[in-house]
Amino acid sequence: MLVFFQFLSIFIGFLFYLIHFRWRPASGKVHRKLPPGPRGLPIIGNLHMLGTLPHRTLYDLSKNYGPIMSLKLGNVPAVVVSSPETAGLILKTHDTVFASRPKLKAISYISDGAKGLAFAPYGPQWRNARKFCTQELLTTEKITSFGGMRKEEIGSLVQYLKAAAAAGKAVDLGEKIGDLIANMTYRMLFGVGNSDRFDLKSIVQEMVRLAGAFNIADYVPFLEPFDIQGLNKRLKKTGKAVQEIFDTIINEHEEDARNHTRKSSKDLVDVMLSHQDGSKSYSIDRATMKAIMSDMIVGAIDTSHTWIEWVFAEIVKHPDIMNQLQQELTSIVGPDRMVEEEDLGKLEYLELVLKETFRLHPVATLLIPRESMEDVVINEYYIPRGSRVMTNCWALGHDPKIWSDNVEEFVPERFIGKNIDLRGHDFHLLPFGYGRRSCPGMNLGLITVKLIISQLLHCFNWDLPDGMLPGDLDMTEKFGLAAPRAQNLLVIPSYRLHSLTT
């Protein structure tokens, strides 16, 4: 009997502990009410509901559950925000709470994700890497120093397109723009463009595919050893290939430095190597160098390429908007020269077109997820530590309550007189994120996107092949790290500058 009462006392004490310590409201919190959301299934939670275009599915769900919604993705608690107000709370008001990133299998295989920028957890290593990038690699002075290279690379594409125009040949514009941005990025990083000995093009394409692929092992970890999607095998192979290429490039740069091989200008690997010995204010090791290289390649090529291709798809679909852009270019640049980077700030209608394109076709439909580093209450809802938080940019751009009933139409003029910029300050458009985890390459990205679009529009008219009508153009997207067009953009260029001078 004594044993029974002892057991009963222990049991009651345990219950008291659970009630008092585990389930009591945290300090300053009235309750622990999670945001509303759909009921999930055992083990997989709500994973089965996401579909092939999760950003669209999540937007539809938010119509029922509200702009801050709770999901269970496998065994990962997740929160999806779908309005500018809630995005501001996550990205600005509580930026410090949500400044970290979840650990993703793809990043751990492809690069040392803990030492880079985009996917690294919040902490001293990340802060040092970001400070190094903003104050050494991506300064205004450094970006400007590569202006001649950008002009040269775009000039080469213009010459190719002039030959295609003369032959009346259709071109895969998205592919050509992707190659252009890749070459610009490689020259900026390594000092040389794409090289067949590295086969960088196919490897980077695989990196982008794998980084953006849905990996169930990120959400149901016990499935990782089974590799039921076959992703881990591909990740290991691609990661090994990437690391070998980066090591070769770094070794060659180190040998050039030892031999005092003269260069007309320093590339970014040279800059990073000059900080490797610890003699300067910033010091980085080889693993950090490779992680930064990986982040810059994936970020620069995939996002800029996708944004530009969507712009051209929309202006081909709307010839009147193409005409307005070309009239602006003729007025500001004139018919006798190419577009210069100094002209970009004067192209006001181009700015409107960029905003409207991103509204309808956000490159990162779901911003790279953040992870809460502590418990927090937002809008009276409890978000526990370790929650994965996603900002649905696609929802921000497709809500008729924000953009009116013509939300599905391409109308750049909707931004006239509105203080909505491309830097995310109003949380309506977030092409570069916001706060601590915003993209440090924002200025470089805007120059690249604006220069390529303006130059190709100034030099060429663009038409669809085979008598296709603008209304027939397929405008569906694919899901990934970026959200590119589902179909290649085939167009026929015709050179226009000579006709303006005759």
Protein backbone atom coordinates (compact mmCIF):
# COMPACT_ATOMS: atom_id res chain seq x y z
CA MET A 1 0.00 0.00 0.00
CA LEU A 2 2.86 2.32 0.82
CA VAL A 3 4.37 1.61 -2.58
CA PHE A 4 1.04 2.52 -4.20
CA PHE A 5 0.89 5.90 -2.41
CA GLN A 6 4.52 6.55 -3.25
CA PHE A 7 3.80 5.85 -6.91
CA LEU A 8 0.65 8.02 -6.76
CA SER A 9 2.63 10.88 -5.22
CA ILE A 10 5.29 10.64 -7.94
CA PHE A 11 2.60 10.50 -10.64
CA ILE A 12 0.76 13.55 -9.26
CA GLY A 13 4.06 15.40 -8.94
CA PHE A 14 4.90 14.59 -12.55
CA LEU A 15 1.50 15.87 -13.69
CA PHE A 16 2.02 19.04 -11.66
CA TYR A 17 5.40 19.51 -13.35
CA LEU A 18 3.90 19.11 -16.80
CA ILE A 19 1.06 21.52 -16.08
CA HIS A 20 3.12 24.08 -14.24
CA PHE A 21 6.35 24.09 -16.20
CA ARG A 22 5.69 22.56 -19.61
CA TRP A 23 2.24 23.93 -20.34
CA ARG A 24 2.21 27.16 -18.42
CA PRO A 25 2.14 30.37 -20.53
CA ALA A 26 5.59 31.71 -21.19
CA SER A 27 6.51 35.03 -19.68
CA GLY A 28 4.56 37.78 -21.41
CA LYS A 29 2.42 35.27 -23.33
CA VAL A 30 -1.26 34.88 -22.64
CA HIS A 31 -1.48 31.49 -24.29
CA ARG A 32 0.24 29.20 -26.75
CA LYS A 33 -2.21 29.27 -29.58
CA LEU A 34 -0.61 28.28 -32.87
CA PRO A 35 -1.64 30.08 -36.07
CA PRO A 36 -4.62 28.41 -37.80
CA GLY A 37 -3.94 25.85 -40.47
CA PRO A 38 -5.16 22.65 -42.14
CA ARG A 39 -5.10 19.37 -40.26
CA GLY A 40 -2.24 17.09 -41.31
CA LEU A 41 -1.71 13.36 -41.56
CA PRO A 42 0.48 11.22 -39.28
CA ILE A 43 4.21 11.34 -40.09
CA ILE A 44 3.94 13.48 -43.27
CA GLY A 45 1.78 16.23 -41.83
CA ASN A 46 0.67 18.57 -44.63
CA LEU A 47 3.33 17.57 -47.15
CA HIS A 48 0.78 15.82 -49.36
CA MET A 49 -1.11 19.10 -49.82
CA LEU A 50 1.70 21.14 -51.38
CA GLY A 51 1.45 19.89 -54.97
CA THR A 52 3.82 20.80 -57.81
CA LEU A 53 3.45 24.56 -57.33
CA PRO A 54 3.47 25.02 -53.54
CA HIS A 55 3.30 28.82 -53.69
CA ARG A 56 -0.09 28.64 -55.42
CA THR A 57 -1.39 25.94 -53.06
CA LEU A 58 -0.28 27.89 -50.01
CA TYR A 59 -1.95 31.04 -51.32
CA ASP A 60 -5.22 29.18 -51.78
CA LEU A 61 -4.95 27.79 -48.25
CA SER A 62 -4.27 31.26 -46.85
CA LYS A 63 -7.64 32.41 -48.18
CA ASN A 64 -9.21 30.05 -45.62
CA TYR A 65 -6.70 30.25 -42.78
CA GLY A 66 -5.41 33.80 -42.99
CA PRO A 67 -2.13 35.62 -43.69
CA ILE A 68 -0.24 33.79 -40.95
CA MET A 69 -0.82 30.06 -41.25
CA SER A 70 0.53 27.03 -39.43
CA LEU A 71 1.53 23.76 -41.16
CA LYS A 72 3.33 20.58 -40.21
CA LEU A 73 5.78 19.53 -42.93
CA GLY A 74 6.76 16.03 -41.87
CA ASN A 75 8.04 16.59 -38.36
CA VAL A 76 8.97 20.23 -39.04
CA PRO A 77 6.65 22.95 -37.68
CA ALA A 78 6.18 25.60 -40.37
CA VAL A 79 4.58 29.02 -40.63
CA VAL A 80 3.60 30.68 -43.91
CA VAL A 81 3.06 34.44 -44.12
CA SER A 82 1.06 35.82 -47.03
CA SER A 83 0.50 39.55 -46.52
CA PRO A 84 2.79 42.62 -46.45
CA GLU A 85 1.86 43.27 -42.83
CA THR A 86 2.83 39.80 -41.59
CA ALA A 87 5.94 39.79 -43.82
CA GLY A 88 7.00 43.02 -42.14
CA LEU A 89 6.57 41.46 -38.71
CA ILE A 90 8.81 38.52 -39.64
CA LEU A 91 11.44 40.32 -41.74
CA LYS A 92 11.65 43.62 -39.84
CA THR A 93 9.98 43.76 -36.42
CA HIS A 94 11.21 40.31 -35.32
CA ASP A 95 14.17 40.07 -37.72
CA THR A 96 16.56 38.99 -34.97
CA VAL A 97 14.29 36.09 -33.95
CA PHE A 98 13.99 34.82 -37.54
CA ALA A 99 17.54 35.55 -38.72
CA SER A 100 18.67 31.93 -39.00
CA ARG A 101 18.25 29.29 -41.71
CA PRO A 102 17.23 25.64 -41.49
CA LYS A 103 19.81 23.02 -42.38
CA LEU A 104 19.03 21.67 -45.86
CA LYS A 105 20.52 18.47 -47.25
CA ALA A 106 21.25 19.98 -50.68
CA ILE A 107 23.38 22.77 -49.26
CA SER A 108 25.31 20.48 -46.94
CA TYR A 109 26.26 18.28 -49.91
CA ILE A 110 26.91 20.95 -52.55
CA SER A 111 28.88 23.35 -50.35
CA ASP A 112 29.67 23.94 -46.73
CA GLY A 113 26.35 25.64 -46.10
CA ALA A 114 27.37 26.64 -42.60
CA LYS A 115 30.14 28.89 -43.98
CA GLY A 116 28.37 30.68 -46.81
CA LEU A 117 25.81 33.45 -46.91
CA ALA A 118 22.43 32.48 -48.28
CA PHE A 119 21.86 29.25 -46.33
CA ALA A 120 24.17 29.56 -43.32
CA PRO A 121 22.74 29.57 -39.78
CA TYR A 122 22.85 32.88 -37.95
CA GLY A 123 25.96 33.41 -35.89
CA PRO A 124 29.51 34.85 -35.85
CA GLN A 125 30.62 32.85 -38.92
CA TRP A 126 27.71 34.15 -41.00
CA ARG A 127 28.13 37.74 -39.76
CA ASN A 128 31.82 37.69 -40.67
CA ALA A 129 31.13 36.25 -44.15
CA ARG A 130 28.39 38.79 -44.87
CA LYS A 131 30.52 41.71 -43.67
CA PHE A 132 33.37 40.49 -45.84
CA CYS A 133 31.11 40.31 -48.91
CA THR A 134 29.53 43.73 -48.43
CA GLN A 135 32.78 45.54 -47.54
CA GLU A 136 35.27 43.74 -49.77
CA LEU A 137 33.62 41.82 -52.63
CA LEU A 138 30.43 43.70 -53.54
CA THR A 139 31.31 47.32 -52.89
CA THR A 140 30.17 50.02 -55.31
CA GLU A 141 33.78 50.51 -56.37
CA LYS A 142 34.28 46.80 -57.10
CA ILE A 143 30.98 46.48 -58.99
CA THR A 144 31.86 49.54 -61.10
CA SER A 145 35.29 48.09 -61.91
CA PHE A 146 33.62 45.24 -63.80
CA GLY A 147 31.56 47.60 -65.99
CA GLY A 148 33.83 47.16 -69.00
CA MET A 149 33.51 43.37 -68.74
CA ARG A 150 29.70 43.59 -68.62
CA LYS A 151 29.68 45.84 -71.68
CA GLU A 152 31.96 43.46 -73.56
CA GLU A 153 29.90 40.36 -72.75
CA ILE A 154 26.59 42.01 -73.66
CA GLY A 155 28.17 43.32 -76.87
CA SER A 156 29.09 39.74 -77.83
CA LEU A 157 25.47 38.63 -77.35
CA VAL A 158 24.25 41.59 -79.43
CA GLN A 159 26.52 40.51 -82.29
CA TYR A 160 25.21 36.95 -82.11
CA LEU A 161 21.62 38.21 -82.15
CA LYS A 162 22.35 40.54 -85.10
CA ALA A 163 23.49 37.50 -87.09
CA ALA A 164 20.37 35.57 -86.04
CA ALA A 165 18.22 38.56 -87.02
CA ALA A 166 19.82 38.76 -90.45
CA ALA A 167 19.06 35.08 -90.98
CA GLY A 168 15.50 35.37 -89.65
CA LYS A 169 16.40 32.72 -87.09
CA ALA A 170 14.51 32.03 -83.85
CA VAL A 171 16.64 31.95 -80.69
CA ASP A 172 16.09 30.47 -77.26
CA LEU A 173 16.40 33.81 -75.48
CA GLY A 174 16.33 32.35 -71.99
CA GLU A 175 19.25 30.05 -72.76
CA LYS A 176 21.29 32.87 -74.29
CA ILE A 177 20.63 35.18 -71.34
CA GLY A 178 21.55 32.38 -68.92
CA ASP A 179 24.85 31.85 -70.76
CA LEU A 180 25.53 35.59 -70.74
CA ILE A 181 24.98 36.00 -66.99
CA ALA A 182 26.99 32.86 -66.27
CA ASN A 183 29.93 34.17 -68.28
CA MET A 184 29.73 37.56 -66.56
CA THR A 185 29.65 35.87 -63.16
CA TYR A 186 32.59 33.56 -63.91
CA ARG A 187 34.72 36.42 -65.22
CA MET A 188 33.93 38.49 -62.14
CA LEU A 189 34.72 35.59 -59.78
CA PHE A 190 37.52 33.73 -61.56
CA GLY A 191 38.83 36.14 -64.20
CA VAL A 192 37.83 33.84 -67.08
CA GLY A 193 34.53 32.87 -68.67
CA ASN A 194 33.02 29.43 -69.02
CA SER A 195 35.53 26.72 -69.78
CA ASP A 196 34.87 23.40 -71.45
CA ARG A 197 37.44 21.72 -69.23
CA PHE A 198 35.24 22.43 -66.23
CA ASP A 199 31.84 21.90 -67.90
CA LEU A 200 30.58 24.57 -65.54
CA LYS A 201 27.31 25.08 -67.39
CA SER A 202 25.91 21.59 -66.83
CA ILE A 203 27.25 21.38 -63.26
CA VAL A 204 25.76 24.74 -62.26
CA GLN A 205 22.43 23.78 -63.86
CA GLU A 206 22.44 20.60 -61.76
CA MET A 207 23.36 22.63 -58.65
CA VAL A 208 20.37 24.90 -59.21
CA ARG A 209 18.01 21.98 -59.86
CA LEU A 210 19.11 20.13 -56.73
CA ALA A 211 19.16 23.22 -54.49
CA GLY A 212 15.57 23.95 -55.48
CA ALA A 213 14.28 20.38 -55.44
CA PHE A 214 11.88 19.25 -52.74
CA ASN A 215 13.83 16.76 -50.63
CA ILE A 216 11.59 14.77 -48.33
CA ALA A 217 14.59 13.97 -46.11
CA ASP A 218 14.58 17.65 -45.01
CA TYR A 219 11.16 17.05 -43.45
CA VAL A 220 11.14 13.34 -42.55
CA PRO A 221 14.77 12.70 -41.56
CA PHE A 222 14.44 8.94 -40.92
CA LEU A 223 13.84 8.49 -44.67
CA GLU A 224 17.25 9.92 -45.61
CA PRO A 225 19.14 6.59 -45.63
CA PHE A 226 16.61 5.15 -48.11
CA ASP A 227 17.10 8.03 -50.62
CA ILE A 228 13.70 7.26 -52.12
CA GLN A 229 13.95 10.22 -54.54
CA GLY A 230 17.51 9.44 -55.63
CA LEU A 231 18.54 12.98 -54.67
CA ASN A 232 21.34 12.14 -52.23
CA LYS A 233 23.32 10.24 -54.85
CA ARG A 234 23.06 13.15 -57.28
CA LEU A 235 23.88 15.65 -54.53
CA LYS A 236 27.05 13.78 -53.54
CA LYS A 237 28.21 13.54 -57.16
CA THR A 238 27.50 17.19 -57.94
CA GLY A 239 28.98 18.37 -54.64
CA LYS A 240 32.21 16.49 -55.31
CA ALA A 241 32.44 17.93 -58.84
CA VAL A 242 31.83 21.48 -57.62
CA GLN A 243 34.42 21.21 -54.83
CA GLU A 244 37.04 19.84 -57.26
CA ILE A 245 36.45 22.71 -59.70
CA PHE A 246 36.67 25.32 -56.98
CA ASP A 247 39.84 23.76 -55.57
CA THR A 248 41.42 23.77 -59.03
CA ILE A 249 40.53 27.43 -59.58
CA ILE A 250 41.84 28.46 -56.15
CA ASN A 251 45.05 26.47 -56.64
CA GLU A 252 45.66 28.16 -59.99
CA HIS A 253 45.13 31.59 -58.44
CA GLU A 254 47.52 30.73 -55.61
CA GLU A 255 50.15 29.62 -58.13
CA ASP A 256 49.72 32.84 -60.12
CA ALA A 257 50.26 34.81 -56.90
CA ARG A 258 53.42 32.85 -56.03
CA ASN A 259 54.79 33.36 -59.55
CA HIS A 260 53.76 37.03 -59.52
CA THR A 261 51.87 36.55 -62.75
CA ARG A 262 50.58 40.01 -63.62
CA LYS A 263 46.84 40.60 -64.06
CA SER A 264 45.23 43.72 -65.46
CA SER A 265 42.66 43.61 -62.64
CA LYS A 266 41.87 41.46 -59.65
CA ASP A 267 38.93 39.05 -59.74
CA LEU A 268 36.99 38.15 -56.60
CA VAL A 269 38.99 34.98 -55.92
CA ASP A 270 42.11 37.15 -55.84
CA VAL A 271 40.42 39.42 -53.31
CA MET A 272 39.43 36.47 -51.13
CA LEU A 273 42.93 34.96 -51.27
CA SER A 274 44.42 38.26 -50.10
CA HIS A 275 42.42 37.81 -46.89
CA GLN A 276 43.36 34.20 -46.28
CA ASP A 277 46.53 34.72 -44.25
CA GLY A 278 44.87 36.65 -41.41
CA SER A 279 47.00 39.78 -41.96
CA LYS A 280 43.97 41.98 -42.74
CA SER A 281 40.87 42.96 -40.82
CA TYR A 282 38.91 40.06 -42.33
CA SER A 283 40.21 36.52 -42.52
CA ILE A 284 38.51 33.66 -44.37
CA ASP A 285 39.49 30.04 -44.90
CA ARG A 286 39.20 27.96 -48.05
CA ALA A 287 35.89 26.36 -47.04
CA THR A 288 34.35 29.81 -46.62
CA MET A 289 35.76 30.90 -49.97
CA LYS A 290 34.15 27.94 -51.73
CA ALA A 291 30.83 28.43 -49.94
CA ILE A 292 30.75 32.11 -50.99
CA MET A 293 31.64 31.16 -54.58
CA SER A 294 28.80 28.63 -54.64
CA ASP A 295 26.30 31.13 -53.23
CA MET A 296 27.30 33.83 -55.70
CA ILE A 297 27.09 31.54 -58.72
CA VAL A 298 23.68 30.10 -57.85
CA GLY A 299 22.29 33.44 -56.71
CA ALA A 300 23.56 35.55 -59.60
CA ILE A 301 22.83 33.19 -62.48
CA ASP A 302 19.52 31.62 -61.55
CA THR A 303 17.67 34.62 -60.19
CA SER A 304 18.76 37.26 -62.72
CA HIS A 305 18.24 34.92 -65.66
CA THR A 306 14.73 33.99 -64.50
CA TRP A 307 13.68 37.61 -63.91
CA ILE A 308 14.94 38.78 -67.32
CA GLU A 309 13.27 35.92 -69.17
CA TRP A 310 9.93 36.72 -67.53
CA VAL A 311 10.30 40.39 -68.53
CA PHE A 312 10.81 39.44 -72.17
CA ALA A 313 7.92 36.98 -72.07
CA GLU A 314 5.60 39.74 -70.84
CA ILE A 315 6.74 42.38 -73.34
CA VAL A 316 6.48 39.93 -76.23
CA LYS A 317 3.00 39.15 -75.01
CA HIS A 318 2.26 42.92 -74.81
CA PRO A 319 3.82 44.64 -77.88
CA ASP A 320 2.44 48.02 -76.81
CA ILE A 321 4.56 47.86 -73.65
CA MET A 322 7.61 46.90 -75.73
CA ASN A 323 6.99 49.99 -77.87
CA GLN A 324 6.78 52.23 -74.80
CA LEU A 325 10.06 50.86 -73.45
CA GLN A 326 11.76 51.40 -76.80
CA GLN A 327 10.42 54.93 -77.08
CA GLU A 328 11.91 55.70 -73.67
CA LEU A 329 15.24 54.21 -74.74
CA THR A 330 15.26 56.18 -78.00
CA SER A 331 14.49 59.38 -76.12
CA ILE A 332 17.17 58.92 -73.43
CA VAL A 333 19.88 56.92 -75.22
CA GLY A 334 19.27 57.90 -78.84
CA PRO A 335 19.73 55.80 -81.96
CA ASP A 336 23.50 56.22 -82.35
CA ARG A 337 24.95 54.44 -79.31
CA MET A 338 24.54 51.56 -76.95
CA VAL A 339 23.02 51.82 -73.48
CA GLU A 340 25.50 52.78 -70.76
CA GLU A 341 25.17 51.97 -67.07
CA GLU A 342 24.86 55.71 -66.40
CA ASP A 343 21.58 55.68 -68.36
CA LEU A 344 19.85 53.10 -66.17
CA GLY A 345 18.66 55.49 -63.47
CA LYS A 346 16.77 57.54 -66.08
CA LEU A 347 14.69 54.64 -67.42
CA GLU A 348 11.55 55.19 -65.39
CA TYR A 349 9.19 53.04 -67.46
CA LEU A 350 11.65 50.15 -67.34
CA GLU A 351 11.49 50.39 -63.54
CA LEU A 352 7.70 50.04 -63.68
CA VAL A 353 7.98 47.00 -65.97
CA LEU A 354 10.49 45.34 -63.64
CA LYS A 355 8.18 45.85 -60.66
CA GLU A 356 5.12 44.53 -62.48
CA THR A 357 7.03 41.50 -63.78
CA PHE A 358 8.23 40.59 -60.31
CA ARG A 359 4.73 41.10 -58.89
CA LEU A 360 3.25 38.56 -61.30
CA HIS A 361 6.28 36.27 -61.54
CA PRO A 362 8.36 36.51 -58.35
CA VAL A 363 11.69 34.80 -58.90
CA ALA A 364 11.77 33.31 -55.41
CA THR A 365 8.09 32.48 -54.99
CA LEU A 366 8.82 31.41 -51.41
CA LEU A 367 11.78 33.29 -49.98
CA ILE A 368 14.55 31.05 -48.68
CA PRO A 369 13.03 29.78 -45.41
CA ARG A 370 14.03 31.33 -42.13
CA GLU A 371 14.12 29.50 -38.82
CA SER A 372 13.01 30.93 -35.49
CA MET A 373 15.75 30.96 -32.89
CA GLU A 374 13.40 31.40 -29.91
CA ASP A 375 9.73 31.24 -28.99
CA VAL A 376 7.80 34.33 -30.08
CA VAL A 377 4.21 35.58 -30.24
CA ILE A 378 3.06 37.35 -33.41
CA ASN A 379 -0.49 38.64 -33.84
CA GLU A 380 -1.39 36.68 -30.69
CA TYR A 381 -0.15 33.46 -32.27
CA TYR A 382 2.62 31.41 -30.70
CA ILE A 383 5.49 30.40 -32.97
CA PRO A 384 7.83 27.92 -31.26
CA ARG A 385 11.58 27.90 -31.55
CA GLY A 386 12.81 25.88 -34.53
CA SER A 387 9.80 26.70 -36.72
CA ARG A 388 10.46 27.05 -40.43
CA VAL A 389 9.04 30.35 -41.67
CA MET A 390 8.24 30.93 -45.34
CA THR A 391 7.23 34.24 -46.93
CA ASN A 392 4.94 33.62 -49.91
CA CYS A 393 6.00 36.30 -52.40
CA TRP A 394 3.62 34.88 -54.99
CA ALA A 395 0.71 35.51 -52.61
CA LEU A 396 1.91 39.08 -51.98
CA GLY A 397 1.70 39.81 -55.70
CA HIS A 398 -1.62 38.11 -56.44
CA ASP A 399 -3.89 39.37 -53.68
CA PRO A 400 -6.73 41.44 -55.22
CA LYS A 401 -7.21 43.22 -51.89
CA ILE A 402 -3.79 44.78 -52.46
CA TRP A 403 -3.66 45.13 -56.25
CA SER A 404 -7.36 45.47 -57.27
CA ASP A 405 -9.49 43.19 -59.45
CA ASN A 406 -7.10 43.28 -62.44
CA VAL A 407 -4.48 41.48 -60.39
CA GLU A 408 -3.83 38.88 -63.12
CA GLU A 409 -3.22 41.51 -65.81
CA PHE A 410 0.19 42.93 -66.70
CA VAL A 411 -0.19 46.65 -66.02
CA PRO A 412 3.10 48.44 -65.20
CA GLU A 413 1.24 51.74 -64.79
CA ARG A 414 -0.28 50.47 -61.54
CA PHE A 415 2.96 51.52 -59.80
CA ILE A 416 2.82 55.15 -60.92
CA GLY A 417 2.52 57.41 -57.90
CA LYS A 418 3.04 54.51 -55.46
CA ASN A 419 5.99 54.43 -53.12
CA ILE A 420 6.73 50.74 -53.76
CA ASP A 421 10.35 49.97 -54.53
CA LEU A 422 12.41 46.92 -55.50
CA ARG A 423 14.36 46.91 -52.24
CA GLY A 424 11.49 45.51 -50.15
CA HIS A 425 10.92 48.42 -47.77
CA ASP A 426 7.11 48.20 -48.10
CA PHE A 427 7.01 44.36 -48.18
CA HIS A 428 4.85 44.31 -51.34
CA LEU A 429 7.79 43.28 -53.55
CA LEU A 430 10.72 41.30 -52.14
CA PRO A 431 13.10 40.39 -54.98
CA PHE A 432 16.09 40.60 -52.62
CA GLY A 433 14.43 39.73 -49.33
CA TYR A 434 14.75 42.13 -46.42
CA GLY A 435 16.64 42.66 -43.21
CA ARG A 436 19.68 40.73 -42.05
CA ARG A 437 19.14 37.96 -44.60
CA SER A 438 18.57 40.23 -47.60
CA CYS A 439 20.73 39.61 -50.66
CA PRO A 440 24.07 41.48 -50.39
CA GLY A 441 24.34 41.43 -54.20
CA MET A 442 21.22 43.59 -54.68
CA ASN A 443 22.99 46.49 -56.40
CA LEU A 444 24.90 44.21 -58.73
CA GLY A 445 21.73 42.27 -59.53
CA LEU A 446 19.76 45.40 -60.43
CA ILE A 447 22.54 46.70 -62.69
CA THR A 448 22.80 43.34 -64.45
CA VAL A 449 19.05 42.94 -64.98
CA LYS A 450 18.44 46.52 -66.13
CA LEU A 451 21.46 46.66 -68.44
CA ILE A 452 20.70 43.41 -70.26
CA ILE A 453 17.01 44.19 -70.74
CA SER A 454 17.57 47.77 -71.86
CA GLN A 455 20.40 46.85 -74.24
CA LEU A 456 18.51 44.03 -75.95
CA LEU A 457 15.34 46.13 -76.23
CA HIS A 458 17.26 49.12 -77.59
CA CYS A 459 18.93 47.02 -80.29
CA PHE A 460 16.12 44.64 -81.29
CA ASN A 461 12.42 44.18 -81.87
CA TRP A 462 11.15 40.80 -80.70
CA ASP A 463 8.49 38.60 -82.28
CA LEU A 464 7.15 35.11 -81.69
CA PRO A 465 8.02 32.41 -84.28
CA ASP A 466 5.79 30.43 -86.64
CA GLY A 467 2.97 32.96 -86.64
CA MET A 468 2.27 32.46 -82.94
CA LEU A 469 0.00 35.14 -81.50
CA PRO A 470 0.98 36.93 -78.25
CA GLY A 471 -2.10 35.52 -76.53
CA ASP A 472 -0.91 31.96 -77.28
CA LEU A 473 2.31 32.29 -75.27
CA ASP A 474 2.45 29.79 -72.39
CA MET A 475 3.05 31.74 -69.15
CA THR A 476 3.10 28.90 -66.62
CA GLU A 477 6.02 28.48 -64.22
CA LYS A 478 7.99 25.64 -62.68
CA PHE A 479 8.81 25.43 -59.00
CA GLY A 480 12.39 25.56 -57.82
CA LEU A 481 14.93 27.73 -56.04
CA ALA A 482 13.78 30.27 -58.60
CA ALA A 483 10.51 29.85 -60.50
CA PRO A 484 11.42 29.86 -64.21
CA ARG A 485 9.09 29.54 -67.16
CA ALA A 486 7.86 26.02 -67.79
CA GLN A 487 8.49 26.43 -71.53
CA ASN A 488 11.53 27.86 -73.31
CA LEU A 489 11.09 31.37 -74.71
CA LEU A 490 11.69 31.14 -78.47
CA VAL A 491 11.70 34.52 -80.20
CA ILE A 492 12.85 36.11 -83.47
CA PRO A 493 14.97 39.26 -83.12
CA SER A 494 15.09 42.02 -85.75
CA TYR A 495 17.72 44.72 -85.49
CA ARG A 496 16.14 48.14 -85.07
CA LEU A 497 18.92 50.71 -84.59
CA HIS A 498 19.84 51.00 -88.27
CA SER A 499 16.20 51.75 -89.11
CA LEU A 500 16.21 54.66 -86.63
CA THR A 501 19.19 56.32 -88.30
CA THR A 502 18.00 56.02 -91.92
